[in-house]
Amino acid sequence: MKHSFGKHALYLAGGIALLAALVAATMWLWNALIPDIIGWKSITYWQAAGLLILIHLIFGHIARPSLNDRQHEKHLHEMMHGMSRDEKREFIRRRMRRLCEHDTRDPQSEAKRRDEVDE
């Protein structure tokens, strides 16, 4: 199904409006809470936008896993089907170890590691 230019423009405008509202809410919350609680200065709209960008750069991969991760997790029960209790324990230990370590690997080694876990 083809989307018209107007529909794309509407989605773009809605996304920009949503982003602007998120920045404004961040600025309002910061200015309402932080100066009174910690004593730091109030921030401007653009500082709030920069703060959101910084937060996304630092924590973005944690808050929003990639589509491949979601598809992979969706079938976890299927991967464990037919395993003995000990095999399930070991499988869960390996998965938890992977989730807890700080991953600094490139995406290709990440994909290879996922394939190893699935086997």
Protein backbone atom coordinates (compact mmCIF):
# COMPACT_ATOMS: atom_id res chain seq x y z
CA MET A 1 0.00 0.00 0.00
CA LYS A 2 1.38 3.39 -1.03
CA HIS A 3 1.41 6.20 1.47
CA SER A 4 0.72 9.66 0.18
CA PHE A 5 3.10 12.56 0.72
CA GLY A 6 0.52 14.18 3.02
CA LYS A 7 0.47 11.15 5.31
CA HIS A 8 4.28 11.16 5.57
CA ALA A 9 4.24 14.88 6.30
CA LEU A 10 1.61 14.32 8.99
CA TYR A 11 3.73 11.60 10.63
CA LEU A 12 6.81 13.83 10.48
CA ALA A 13 4.93 16.77 12.02
CA GLY A 14 3.52 14.51 14.73
CA GLY A 15 6.98 13.14 15.52
CA ILE A 16 8.45 16.63 15.74
CA ALA A 17 5.59 17.78 17.98
CA LEU A 18 6.04 14.74 20.21
CA LEU A 19 9.79 15.37 20.47
CA ALA A 20 9.19 19.05 21.27
CA ALA A 21 6.71 18.08 23.99
CA LEU A 22 9.20 15.57 25.45
CA VAL A 23 11.92 18.23 25.59
CA ALA A 24 9.50 20.73 27.17
CA ALA A 25 8.40 18.16 29.76
CA THR A 26 12.04 17.37 30.58
CA MET A 27 12.83 21.06 30.99
CA TRP A 28 9.75 21.61 33.16
CA LEU A 29 10.49 18.61 35.39
CA TRP A 30 14.14 19.59 35.77
CA ASN A 31 13.31 23.21 36.60
CA ALA A 32 10.55 22.19 39.01
CA LEU A 33 12.58 19.61 40.92
CA ILE A 34 16.36 19.83 40.59
CA PRO A 35 17.00 23.45 41.72
CA ASP A 36 15.02 22.89 44.94
CA ILE A 37 16.32 19.40 45.68
CA ILE A 38 19.99 19.64 44.69
CA GLY A 39 20.49 23.37 44.22
CA TRP A 40 21.63 23.19 40.59
CA LYS A 41 20.59 25.87 38.09
CA SER A 42 17.50 25.79 35.92
CA ILE A 43 18.02 24.74 32.31
CA THR A 44 16.85 26.15 28.99
CA TYR A 45 14.85 24.33 26.32
CA TRP A 46 17.98 23.60 24.26
CA GLN A 47 19.86 22.35 27.30
CA ALA A 48 16.97 19.97 27.97
CA ALA A 49 17.18 18.78 24.34
CA GLY A 50 20.92 18.21 24.78
CA LEU A 51 20.28 16.34 28.01
CA LEU A 52 17.81 14.02 26.26
CA ILE A 53 20.33 13.39 23.47
CA LEU A 54 23.03 12.62 26.04
CA ILE A 55 20.72 10.24 27.92
CA HIS A 56 19.84 8.50 24.66
CA LEU A 57 23.51 8.11 23.73
CA ILE A 58 24.36 6.64 27.13
CA PHE A 59 21.27 4.56 27.87
CA GLY A 60 19.48 4.21 24.52
CA HIS A 61 20.53 0.62 23.88
CA ILE A 62 19.25 -0.45 27.28
CA ALA A 63 15.85 1.14 27.08
CA ARG A 64 15.09 0.09 23.53
CA PRO A 65 16.50 -3.27 22.45
CA SER A 66 16.84 -3.92 18.74
CA LEU A 67 14.14 -5.71 16.78
CA ASN A 68 16.38 -8.78 16.46
CA ASP A 69 16.63 -9.02 20.26
CA ARG A 70 12.86 -8.89 20.62
CA GLN A 71 12.33 -11.53 17.96
CA HIS A 72 15.01 -13.68 19.59
CA GLU A 73 13.44 -13.38 23.07
CA LYS A 74 9.99 -14.11 21.72
CA HIS A 75 10.88 -17.74 21.13
CA LEU A 76 12.78 -18.40 24.36
CA HIS A 77 10.23 -20.94 25.59
CA GLU A 78 10.56 -22.79 22.29
CA MET A 79 14.35 -22.96 22.67
CA MET A 80 14.01 -24.48 26.13
CA HIS A 81 11.33 -26.99 25.10
CA GLY A 82 12.63 -30.53 25.44
CA MET A 83 15.58 -29.60 27.66
CA SER A 84 16.23 -31.39 30.89
CA ARG A 85 16.19 -29.41 34.14
CA ASP A 86 20.01 -29.22 34.21
CA GLU A 87 20.16 -28.12 30.58
CA LYS A 88 17.62 -25.38 31.32
CA ARG A 89 19.68 -24.18 34.29
CA GLU A 90 22.84 -24.01 32.20
CA PHE A 91 20.99 -22.28 29.38
CA ILE A 92 19.62 -19.66 31.78
CA ARG A 93 23.05 -19.16 33.39
CA ARG A 94 24.62 -18.52 30.00
CA ARG A 95 21.86 -16.06 29.06
CA MET A 96 22.15 -14.20 32.36
CA ARG A 97 25.93 -14.01 32.04
CA ARG A 98 25.50 -12.55 28.57
CA LEU A 99 22.96 -9.99 29.80
CA CYS A 100 25.09 -8.93 32.76
CA GLU A 101 28.38 -8.43 30.96
CA HIS A 102 29.20 -5.07 29.42
CA ASP A 103 29.15 -5.78 25.72
CA THR A 104 31.76 -3.84 23.79
CA ARG A 105 31.86 -6.19 20.81
CA ASP A 106 31.00 -5.32 17.25
CA PRO A 107 27.62 -6.43 15.79
CA GLN A 108 29.11 -9.32 13.76
CA SER A 109 30.65 -10.95 16.84
CA GLU A 110 27.36 -10.34 18.69
CA ALA A 111 25.45 -12.23 15.98
CA LYS A 112 27.99 -15.07 16.07
CA ARG A 113 27.69 -15.26 19.87
CA ARG A 114 23.88 -15.43 19.62
CA ASP A 115 24.17 -18.31 17.19
CA GLU A 116 26.40 -20.15 19.66
CA VAL A 117 23.88 -19.65 22.48
CA ASP A 118 21.03 -20.93 20.32
CA GLU A 119 22.82 -24.20 19.58
